[in-house]
Amino acid sequence: MTTIDLGLQSAIEIAKGDQLKATGSQRPYDQGVAEALAMMNALIGKETPPWIAVQSLPVVQSNVLESYKIVFKKDPPPELLDACNKAKPACN
């Protein structure tokens, strides 16, 4: 099973390697940065694209810890680390 958007519970389930195998995560911080840069360019008269998007991040068991850091801009919480440690070496 797969889903969209990464949260703590979905990250833990992916780390465990049970039914939830992957997610395509949004990257809200990176989306905000892209929009702010476009706004600044517009304010100084540069042409901006008609729409702005940031590529979703594929999250699987082997990259769940790194992906959590990318999406939330902080280290994974202990619950996620514990789930990953129990699933080693598949979970990094």
PDB file of N, CA and C in Angstrom:
ATOM      1  N   MET A   1       0.838  -1.161   0.000  1.00  0.00           N
ATOM      2  CA  MET A   1       0.000   0.000   0.000  1.00  0.00           C
ATOM      3  C   MET A   1       0.898   1.243   0.000  1.00  0.00           C
ATOM      4  N   THR A   2       0.471   2.269  -0.681  1.00  0.00           N
ATOM      5  CA  THR A   2       1.165   3.552  -0.695  1.00  0.00           C
ATOM      6  C   THR A   2       0.166   4.652  -0.358  1.00  0.00           C
ATOM      7  N   THR A   3       0.684   5.829  -0.085  1.00  0.00           N
ATOM      8  CA  THR A   3      -0.177   6.962   0.237  1.00  0.00           C
ATOM      9  C   THR A   3       0.531   8.241  -0.190  1.00  0.00           C
ATOM     10  N   ILE A   4      -0.051   9.368   0.142  1.00  0.00           N
ATOM     11  CA  ILE A   4       0.593  10.651  -0.124  1.00  0.00           C
ATOM     12  C   ILE A   4       0.762  11.400   1.188  1.00  0.00           C
ATOM     13  N   ASP A   5       1.780  12.210   1.245  1.00  0.00           N
ATOM     14  CA  ASP A   5       2.100  13.095   2.358  1.00  0.00           C
ATOM     15  C   ASP A   5       2.714  12.346   3.530  1.00  0.00           C
ATOM     16  N   LEU A   6       3.837  12.825   3.982  1.00  0.00           N
ATOM     17  CA  LEU A   6       4.581  12.209   5.073  1.00  0.00           C
ATOM     18  C   LEU A   6       4.207  12.850   6.396  1.00  0.00           C
ATOM     19  N   GLY A   7       3.919  12.029   7.359  1.00  0.00           N
ATOM     20  CA  GLY A   7       3.687  12.450   8.736  1.00  0.00           C
ATOM     21  C   GLY A   7       4.407  11.472   9.639  1.00  0.00           C
ATOM     22  N   LEU A   8       4.400  11.718  10.925  1.00  0.00           N
ATOM     23  CA  LEU A   8       5.119  10.843  11.842  1.00  0.00           C
ATOM     24  C   LEU A   8       4.581   9.418  11.790  1.00  0.00           C
ATOM     25  N   GLN A   9       3.272   9.260  11.844  1.00  0.00           N
ATOM     26  CA  GLN A   9       2.714   7.909  11.868  1.00  0.00           C
ATOM     27  C   GLN A   9       2.992   7.157  10.570  1.00  0.00           C
ATOM     28  N   SER A  10       2.847   7.830   9.436  1.00  0.00           N
ATOM     29  CA  SER A  10       3.136   7.147   8.172  1.00  0.00           C
ATOM     30  C   SER A  10       4.626   6.820   8.063  1.00  0.00           C
ATOM     31  N   ALA A  11       5.496   7.691   8.567  1.00  0.00           N
ATOM     32  CA  ALA A  11       6.935   7.415   8.553  1.00  0.00           C
ATOM     33  C   ALA A  11       7.252   6.184   9.396  1.00  0.00           C
ATOM     34  N   ILE A  12       6.619   6.062  10.543  1.00  0.00           N
ATOM     35  CA  ILE A  12       6.838   4.903  11.409  1.00  0.00           C
ATOM     36  C   ILE A  12       6.379   3.626  10.711  1.00  0.00           C
ATOM     37  N   GLU A  13       5.230   3.676  10.063  1.00  0.00           N
ATOM     38  CA  GLU A  13       4.714   2.490   9.370  1.00  0.00           C
ATOM     39  C   GLU A  13       5.626   2.096   8.204  1.00  0.00           C
ATOM     40  N   ILE A  14       6.135   3.069   7.482  1.00  0.00           N
ATOM     41  CA  ILE A  14       7.082   2.776   6.392  1.00  0.00           C
ATOM     42  C   ILE A  14       8.353   2.167   6.970  1.00  0.00           C
ATOM     43  N   ALA A  15       8.843   2.724   8.081  1.00  0.00           N
ATOM     44  CA  ALA A  15      10.055   2.211   8.715  1.00  0.00           C
ATOM     45  C   ALA A  15       9.886   0.758   9.139  1.00  0.00           C
ATOM     46  N   LYS A  16       8.720   0.411   9.636  1.00  0.00           N
ATOM     47  CA  LYS A  16       8.461  -0.958  10.083  1.00  0.00           C
ATOM     48  C   LYS A  16       8.480  -1.948   8.925  1.00  0.00           C
ATOM     49  N   GLY A  17       8.133  -1.475   7.731  1.00  0.00           N
ATOM     50  CA  GLY A  17       8.128  -2.356   6.573  1.00  0.00           C
ATOM     51  C   GLY A  17       6.907  -3.252   6.496  1.00  0.00           C
ATOM     52  N   ASP A  18       5.838  -2.887   7.174  1.00  0.00           N
ATOM     53  CA  ASP A  18       4.622  -3.695   7.137  1.00  0.00           C
ATOM     54  C   ASP A  18       3.799  -3.372   5.893  1.00  0.00           C
ATOM     55  N   GLN A  19       2.544  -3.039   6.060  1.00  0.00           N
ATOM     56  CA  GLN A  19       1.660  -2.824   4.912  1.00  0.00           C
ATOM     57  C   GLN A  19       1.950  -1.545   4.139  1.00  0.00           C
ATOM     58  N   LEU A  20       2.264  -0.463   4.830  1.00  0.00           N
ATOM     59  CA  LEU A  20       2.543   0.799   4.149  1.00  0.00           C
ATOM     60  C   LEU A  20       3.980   0.775   3.635  1.00  0.00           C
ATOM     61  N   LYS A  21       4.150   0.795   2.335  1.00  0.00           N
ATOM     62  CA  LYS A  21       5.472   0.641   1.720  1.00  0.00           C
ATOM     63  C   LYS A  21       6.106   1.955   1.286  1.00  0.00           C
ATOM     64  N   ALA A  22       5.295   2.970   0.969  1.00  0.00           N
ATOM     65  CA  ALA A  22       5.864   4.209   0.435  1.00  0.00           C
ATOM     66  C   ALA A  22       4.851   5.333   0.505  1.00  0.00           C
ATOM     67  N   THR A  23       5.377   6.536   0.347  1.00  0.00           N
ATOM     68  CA  THR A  23       4.526   7.713   0.220  1.00  0.00           C
ATOM     69  C   THR A  23       5.211   8.706  -0.715  1.00  0.00           C
ATOM     70  N   GLY A  24       4.424   9.499  -1.364  1.00  0.00           N
ATOM     71  CA  GLY A  24       4.937  10.627  -2.127  1.00  0.00           C
ATOM     72  C   GLY A  24       4.701  11.855  -1.272  1.00  0.00           C
ATOM     73  N   SER A  25       5.738  12.378  -0.682  1.00  0.00           N
ATOM     74  CA  SER A  25       5.573  13.453   0.290  1.00  0.00           C
ATOM     75  C   SER A  25       5.630  14.837  -0.330  1.00  0.00           C
ATOM     76  N   GLN A  26       4.737  15.682   0.132  1.00  0.00           N
ATOM     77  CA  GLN A  26       4.824  17.095  -0.208  1.00  0.00           C
ATOM     78  C   GLN A  26       6.009  17.684   0.553  1.00  0.00           C
ATOM     79  N   ARG A  27       6.468  18.824   0.086  1.00  0.00           N
ATOM     80  CA  ARG A  27       7.584  19.511   0.735  1.00  0.00           C
ATOM     81  C   ARG A  27       7.166  20.956   0.979  1.00  0.00           C
ATOM     82  N   PRO A  28       6.327  21.189   2.003  1.00  0.00           N
ATOM     83  CA  PRO A  28       5.739  22.515   2.193  1.00  0.00           C
ATOM     84  C   PRO A  28       6.759  23.630   2.429  1.00  0.00           C
ATOM     85  N   TYR A  29       7.820  23.365   3.160  1.00  0.00           N
ATOM     86  CA  TYR A  29       8.824  24.407   3.385  1.00  0.00           C
ATOM     87  C   TYR A  29       9.469  24.807   2.062  1.00  0.00           C
ATOM     88  N   ASP A  30       9.882  23.800   1.275  1.00  0.00           N
ATOM     89  CA  ASP A  30      10.519  24.078  -0.007  1.00  0.00           C
ATOM     90  C   ASP A  30       9.560  24.773  -0.972  1.00  0.00           C
ATOM     91  N   GLN A  31       8.288  24.436  -0.905  1.00  0.00           N
ATOM     92  CA  GLN A  31       7.279  25.106  -1.734  1.00  0.00           C
ATOM     93  C   GLN A  31       7.186  26.579  -1.340  1.00  0.00           C
ATOM     94  N   GLY A  32       7.200  26.842  -0.040  1.00  0.00           N
ATOM     95  CA  GLY A  32       7.154  28.223   0.422  1.00  0.00           C
ATOM     96  C   GLY A  32       8.364  29.023  -0.027  1.00  0.00           C
ATOM     97  N   VAL A  33       9.529  28.403   0.019  1.00  0.00           N
ATOM     98  CA  VAL A  33      10.752  29.070  -0.439  1.00  0.00           C
ATOM     99  C   VAL A  33      10.642  29.401  -1.924  1.00  0.00           C
ATOM    100  N   ALA A  34      10.177  28.449  -2.720  1.00  0.00           N
ATOM    101  CA  ALA A  34      10.036  28.672  -4.162  1.00  0.00           C
ATOM    102  C   ALA A  34       9.054  29.809  -4.448  1.00  0.00           C
ATOM    103  N   GLU A  35       7.959  29.846  -3.711  1.00  0.00           N
ATOM    104  CA  GLU A  35       6.975  30.915  -3.908  1.00  0.00           C
ATOM    105  C   GLU A  35       7.516  32.277  -3.477  1.00  0.00           C
ATOM    106  N   ALA A  36       8.260  32.303  -2.377  1.00  0.00           N
ATOM    107  CA  ALA A  36       8.844  33.563  -1.917  1.00  0.00           C
ATOM    108  C   ALA A  36       9.859  34.100  -2.922  1.00  0.00           C
ATOM    109  N   LEU A  37      10.663  33.204  -3.485  1.00  0.00           N
ATOM    110  CA  LEU A  37      11.625  33.640  -4.501  1.00  0.00           C
ATOM    111  C   LEU A  37      10.917  34.184  -5.734  1.00  0.00           C
ATOM    112  N   ALA A  38       9.834  33.530  -6.132  1.00  0.00           N
ATOM    113  CA  ALA A  38       9.069  34.020  -7.281  1.00  0.00           C
ATOM    114  C   ALA A  38       8.466  35.389  -6.979  1.00  0.00           C
ATOM    115  N   MET A  39       7.975  35.578  -5.768  1.00  0.00           N
ATOM    116  CA  MET A  39       7.402  36.871  -5.388  1.00  0.00           C
ATOM    117  C   MET A  39       8.472  37.963  -5.418  1.00  0.00           C
ATOM    118  N   MET A  40       9.652  37.658  -4.905  1.00  0.00           N
ATOM    119  CA  MET A  40      10.728  38.654  -4.919  1.00  0.00           C
ATOM    120  C   MET A  40      11.134  39.003  -6.348  1.00  0.00           C
ATOM    121  N   ASN A  41      11.199  37.994  -7.210  1.00  0.00           N
ATOM    122  CA  ASN A  41      11.506  38.263  -8.616  1.00  0.00           C
ATOM    123  C   ASN A  41      10.434  39.129  -9.259  1.00  0.00           C
ATOM    124  N   ALA A  42       9.176  38.865  -8.946  1.00  0.00           N
ATOM    125  CA  ALA A  42       8.082  39.667  -9.503  1.00  0.00           C
ATOM    126  C   ALA A  42       8.188  41.115  -9.032  1.00  0.00           C
ATOM    127  N   LEU A  43       8.545  41.302  -7.770  1.00  0.00           N
ATOM    128  CA  LEU A  43       8.649  42.652  -7.225  1.00  0.00           C
ATOM    129  C   LEU A  43       9.772  43.468  -7.859  1.00  0.00           C
ATOM    130  N   ILE A  44      10.811  42.809  -8.367  1.00  0.00           N
ATOM    131  CA  ILE A  44      11.889  43.558  -9.025  1.00  0.00           C
ATOM    132  C   ILE A  44      11.735  43.536 -10.549  1.00  0.00           C
ATOM    133  N   GLY A  45      10.563  43.083 -11.010  1.00  0.00           N
ATOM    134  CA  GLY A  45      10.256  43.177 -12.425  1.00  0.00           C
ATOM    135  C   GLY A  45      10.677  42.003 -13.292  1.00  0.00           C
ATOM    136  N   LYS A  46      11.159  40.940 -12.677  1.00  0.00           N
ATOM    137  CA  LYS A  46      11.518  39.760 -13.463  1.00  0.00           C
ATOM    138  C   LYS A  46      10.259  38.945 -13.779  1.00  0.00           C
ATOM    139  N   GLU A  47      10.319  38.254 -14.899  1.00  0.00           N
ATOM    140  CA  GLU A  47       9.193  37.412 -15.285  1.00  0.00           C
ATOM    141  C   GLU A  47       9.150  36.173 -14.385  1.00  0.00           C
ATOM    142  N   THR A  48       7.952  35.798 -13.998  1.00  0.00           N
ATOM    143  CA  THR A  48       7.783  34.610 -13.161  1.00  0.00           C
ATOM    144  C   THR A  48       6.913  33.595 -13.901  1.00  0.00           C
ATOM    145  N   PRO A  49       7.045  32.331 -13.562  1.00  0.00           N
ATOM    146  CA  PRO A  49       6.258  31.309 -14.239  1.00  0.00           C
ATOM    147  C   PRO A  49       4.781  31.420 -13.851  1.00  0.00           C
ATOM    148  N   PRO A  50       3.887  30.907 -14.700  1.00  0.00           N
ATOM    149  CA  PRO A  50       2.454  30.986 -14.396  1.00  0.00           C
ATOM    150  C   PRO A  50       2.053  30.127 -13.202  1.00  0.00           C
ATOM    151  N   TRP A  51       2.836  29.116 -12.895  1.00  0.00           N
ATOM    152  CA  TRP A  51       2.577  28.314 -11.693  1.00  0.00           C
ATOM    153  C   TRP A  51       3.903  27.792 -11.156  1.00  0.00           C
ATOM    154  N   ILE A  52       3.911  27.471  -9.885  1.00  0.00           N
ATOM    155  CA  ILE A  52       5.140  27.043  -9.223  1.00  0.00           C
ATOM    156  C   ILE A  52       4.850  25.743  -8.476  1.00  0.00           C
ATOM    157  N   ALA A  53       5.721  24.778  -8.649  1.00  0.00           N
ATOM    158  CA  ALA A  53       5.563  23.501  -7.950  1.00  0.00           C
ATOM    159  C   ALA A  53       6.933  22.983  -7.538  1.00  0.00           C
ATOM    160  N   VAL A  54       6.930  22.175  -6.519  1.00  0.00           N
ATOM    161  CA  VAL A  54       8.132  21.496  -6.059  1.00  0.00           C
ATOM    162  C   VAL A  54       7.868  20.007  -6.206  1.00  0.00           C
ATOM    163  N   GLN A  55       8.813  19.297  -6.761  1.00  0.00           N
ATOM    164  CA  GLN A  55       8.653  17.866  -6.980  1.00  0.00           C
ATOM    165  C   GLN A  55       8.400  17.145  -5.657  1.00  0.00           C
ATOM    166  N   SER A  56       7.460  16.201  -5.682  1.00  0.00           N
ATOM    167  CA  SER A  56       7.221  15.416  -4.471  1.00  0.00           C
ATOM    168  C   SER A  56       8.427  14.532  -4.179  1.00  0.00           C
ATOM    169  N   LEU A  57       8.515  14.108  -2.954  1.00  0.00           N
ATOM    170  CA  LEU A  57       9.655  13.317  -2.499  1.00  0.00           C
ATOM    171  C   LEU A  57       9.202  11.871  -2.291  1.00  0.00           C
ATOM    172  N   PRO A  58       9.764  10.932  -3.050  1.00  0.00           N
ATOM    173  CA  PRO A  58       9.406   9.533  -2.816  1.00  0.00           C
ATOM    174  C   PRO A  58      10.060   9.026  -1.526  1.00  0.00           C
ATOM    175  N   VAL A  59       9.250   8.491  -0.626  1.00  0.00           N
ATOM    176  CA  VAL A  59       9.738   8.014   0.661  1.00  0.00           C
ATOM    177  C   VAL A  59       9.479   6.517   0.757  1.00  0.00           C
ATOM    178  N   VAL A  60      10.544   5.767   0.971  1.00  0.00           N
ATOM    179  CA  VAL A  60      10.466   4.323   1.162  1.00  0.00           C
ATOM    180  C   VAL A  60      11.257   3.967   2.419  1.00  0.00           C
ATOM    181  N   GLN A  61      11.242   2.707   2.785  1.00  0.00           N
ATOM    182  CA  GLN A  61      11.897   2.281   4.017  1.00  0.00           C
ATOM    183  C   GLN A  61      13.381   2.658   4.042  1.00  0.00           C
ATOM    184  N   SER A  62      14.054   2.529   2.923  1.00  0.00           N
ATOM    185  CA  SER A  62      15.499   2.776   2.899  1.00  0.00           C
ATOM    186  C   SER A  62      15.883   4.251   3.017  1.00  0.00           C
ATOM    187  N   ASN A  63      14.936   5.178   2.826  1.00  0.00           N
ATOM    188  CA  ASN A  63      15.291   6.594   2.929  1.00  0.00           C
ATOM    189  C   ASN A  63      14.379   7.377   3.873  1.00  0.00           C
ATOM    190  N   VAL A  64      13.639   6.670   4.717  1.00  0.00           N
ATOM    191  CA  VAL A  64      12.637   7.348   5.540  1.00  0.00           C
ATOM    192  C   VAL A  64      13.257   8.344   6.529  1.00  0.00           C
ATOM    193  N   LEU A  65      14.402   8.032   7.112  1.00  0.00           N
ATOM    194  CA  LEU A  65      15.009   8.981   8.060  1.00  0.00           C
ATOM    195  C   LEU A  65      15.509  10.231   7.355  1.00  0.00           C
ATOM    196  N   GLU A  66      16.196  10.052   6.252  1.00  0.00           N
ATOM    197  CA  GLU A  66      16.683  11.194   5.476  1.00  0.00           C
ATOM    198  C   GLU A  66      15.509  12.036   4.958  1.00  0.00           C
ATOM    199  N   SER A  67      14.466  11.370   4.493  1.00  0.00           N
ATOM    200  CA  SER A  67      13.298  12.079   3.967  1.00  0.00           C
ATOM    201  C   SER A  67      12.603  12.886   5.056  1.00  0.00           C
ATOM    202  N   TYR A  68      12.512  12.325   6.261  1.00  0.00           N
ATOM    203  CA  TYR A  68      11.900  13.049   7.366  1.00  0.00           C
ATOM    204  C   TYR A  68      12.652  14.357   7.612  1.00  0.00           C
ATOM    205  N   LYS A  69      13.979  14.289   7.595  1.00  0.00           N
ATOM    206  CA  LYS A  69      14.794  15.496   7.780  1.00  0.00           C
ATOM    207  C   LYS A  69      14.554  16.515   6.666  1.00  0.00           C
ATOM    208  N   ILE A  70      14.439  16.041   5.436  1.00  0.00           N
ATOM    209  CA  ILE A  70      14.223  16.935   4.295  1.00  0.00           C
ATOM    210  C   ILE A  70      12.881  17.638   4.409  1.00  0.00           C
ATOM    211  N   VAL A  71      11.837  16.890   4.738  1.00  0.00           N
ATOM    212  CA  VAL A  71      10.481  17.451   4.780  1.00  0.00           C
ATOM    213  C   VAL A  71      10.289  18.369   5.978  1.00  0.00           C
ATOM    214  N   PHE A  72      10.715  17.939   7.157  1.00  0.00           N
ATOM    215  CA  PHE A  72      10.416  18.686   8.380  1.00  0.00           C
ATOM    216  C   PHE A  72      11.553  19.584   8.869  1.00  0.00           C
ATOM    217  N   LYS A  73      12.714  19.504   8.203  1.00  0.00           N
ATOM    218  CA  LYS A  73      13.864  20.346   8.562  1.00  0.00           C
ATOM    219  C   LYS A  73      14.274  20.178  10.028  1.00  0.00           C
ATOM    220  N   LYS A  74      14.146  18.942  10.520  1.00  0.00           N
ATOM    221  CA  LYS A  74      14.603  18.614  11.866  1.00  0.00           C
ATOM    222  C   LYS A  74      14.879  17.114  11.927  1.00  0.00           C
ATOM    223  N   ASP A  75      15.585  16.705  12.960  1.00  0.00           N
ATOM    224  CA  ASP A  75      15.921  15.298  13.122  1.00  0.00           C
ATOM    225  C   ASP A  75      14.662  14.479  13.414  1.00  0.00           C
ATOM    226  N   PRO A  76      14.656  13.217  12.984  1.00  0.00           N
ATOM    227  CA  PRO A  76      13.511  12.356  13.270  1.00  0.00           C
ATOM    228  C   PRO A  76      13.325  12.169  14.775  1.00  0.00           C
ATOM    229  N   PRO A  77      12.080  12.067  15.225  1.00  0.00           N
ATOM    230  CA  PRO A  77      11.819  11.870  16.649  1.00  0.00           C
ATOM    231  C   PRO A  77      12.184  10.442  17.096  1.00  0.00           C
ATOM    232  N   PRO A  78      12.299  10.235  18.391  1.00  0.00           N
ATOM    233  CA  PRO A  78      12.702   8.925  18.920  1.00  0.00           C
ATOM    234  C   PRO A  78      11.821   7.768  18.452  1.00  0.00           C
ATOM    235  N   GLU A  79      10.522   7.995  18.316  1.00  0.00           N
ATOM    236  CA  GLU A  79       9.626   6.911  17.899  1.00  0.00           C
ATOM    237  C   GLU A  79       9.999   6.395  16.516  1.00  0.00           C
ATOM    238  N   LEU A  80      10.362   7.303  15.617  1.00  0.00           N
ATOM    239  CA  LEU A  80      10.748   6.908  14.266  1.00  0.00           C
ATOM    240  C   LEU A  80      12.109   6.223  14.283  1.00  0.00           C
ATOM    241  N   LEU A  81      13.033   6.742  15.055  1.00  0.00           N
ATOM    242  CA  LEU A  81      14.352   6.113  15.179  1.00  0.00           C
ATOM    243  C   LEU A  81      14.230   4.696  15.728  1.00  0.00           C
ATOM    244  N   ASP A  82      13.369   4.506  16.718  1.00  0.00           N
ATOM    245  CA  ASP A  82      13.158   3.175  17.292  1.00  0.00           C
ATOM    246  C   ASP A  82      12.610   2.208  16.252  1.00  0.00           C
ATOM    247  N   ALA A  83      11.623   2.655  15.475  1.00  0.00           N
ATOM    248  CA  ALA A  83      11.043   1.789  14.439  1.00  0.00           C
ATOM    249  C   ALA A  83      12.096   1.423  13.410  1.00  0.00           C
ATOM    250  N   CYS A  84      12.939   2.369  13.052  1.00  0.00           N
ATOM    251  CA  CYS A  84      13.992   2.102  12.076  1.00  0.00           C
ATOM    252  C   CYS A  84      15.039   1.153  12.640  1.00  0.00           C
ATOM    253  N   ASN A  85      15.410   1.343  13.881  1.00  0.00           N
ATOM    254  CA  ASN A  85      16.415   0.472  14.491  1.00  0.00           C
ATOM    255  C   ASN A  85      15.946  -0.971  14.547  1.00  0.00           C
ATOM    256  N   LYS A  86      14.651  -1.177  14.751  1.00  0.00           N
ATOM    257  CA  LYS A  86      14.100  -2.535  14.774  1.00  0.00           C
ATOM    258  C   LYS A  86      14.066  -3.153  13.397  1.00  0.00           C
ATOM    259  N   ALA A  87      14.068  -2.328  12.348  1.00  0.00           N
ATOM    260  CA  ALA A  87      13.952  -2.824  10.966  1.00  0.00           C
ATOM    261  C   ALA A  87      15.295  -2.840  10.237  1.00  0.00           C
ATOM    262  N   LYS A  88      16.381  -2.599  10.927  1.00  0.00           N
ATOM    263  CA  LYS A  88      17.688  -2.579  10.266  1.00  0.00           C
ATOM    264  C   LYS A  88      17.998  -3.949   9.696  1.00  0.00           C
ATOM    265  N   PRO A  89      18.694  -4.044   8.584  1.00  0.00           N
ATOM    266  CA  PRO A  89      19.360  -2.995   7.832  1.00  0.00           C
ATOM    267  C   PRO A  89      18.480  -2.354   6.761  1.00  0.00           C
ATOM    268  N   ALA A  90      17.217  -2.789   6.638  1.00  0.00           N
ATOM    269  CA  ALA A  90      16.362  -2.262   5.569  1.00  0.00           C
ATOM    270  C   ALA A  90      16.049  -0.783   5.740  1.00  0.00           C
ATOM    271  N   CYS A  91      16.002  -0.321   6.957  1.00  0.00           N
ATOM    272  CA  CYS A  91      15.645   1.063   7.237  1.00  0.00           C
ATOM    273  C   CYS A  91      16.894   1.855   7.582  1.00  0.00           C
ATOM    274  N   ASN A  92      17.067   2.997   6.916  1.00  0.00           N
ATOM    275  CA  ASN A  92      18.201   3.879   7.192  1.00  0.00           C
ATOM    276  C   ASN A  92      17.702   5.240   7.579  1.00  0.00           C
TER     277      ASN A  92
END
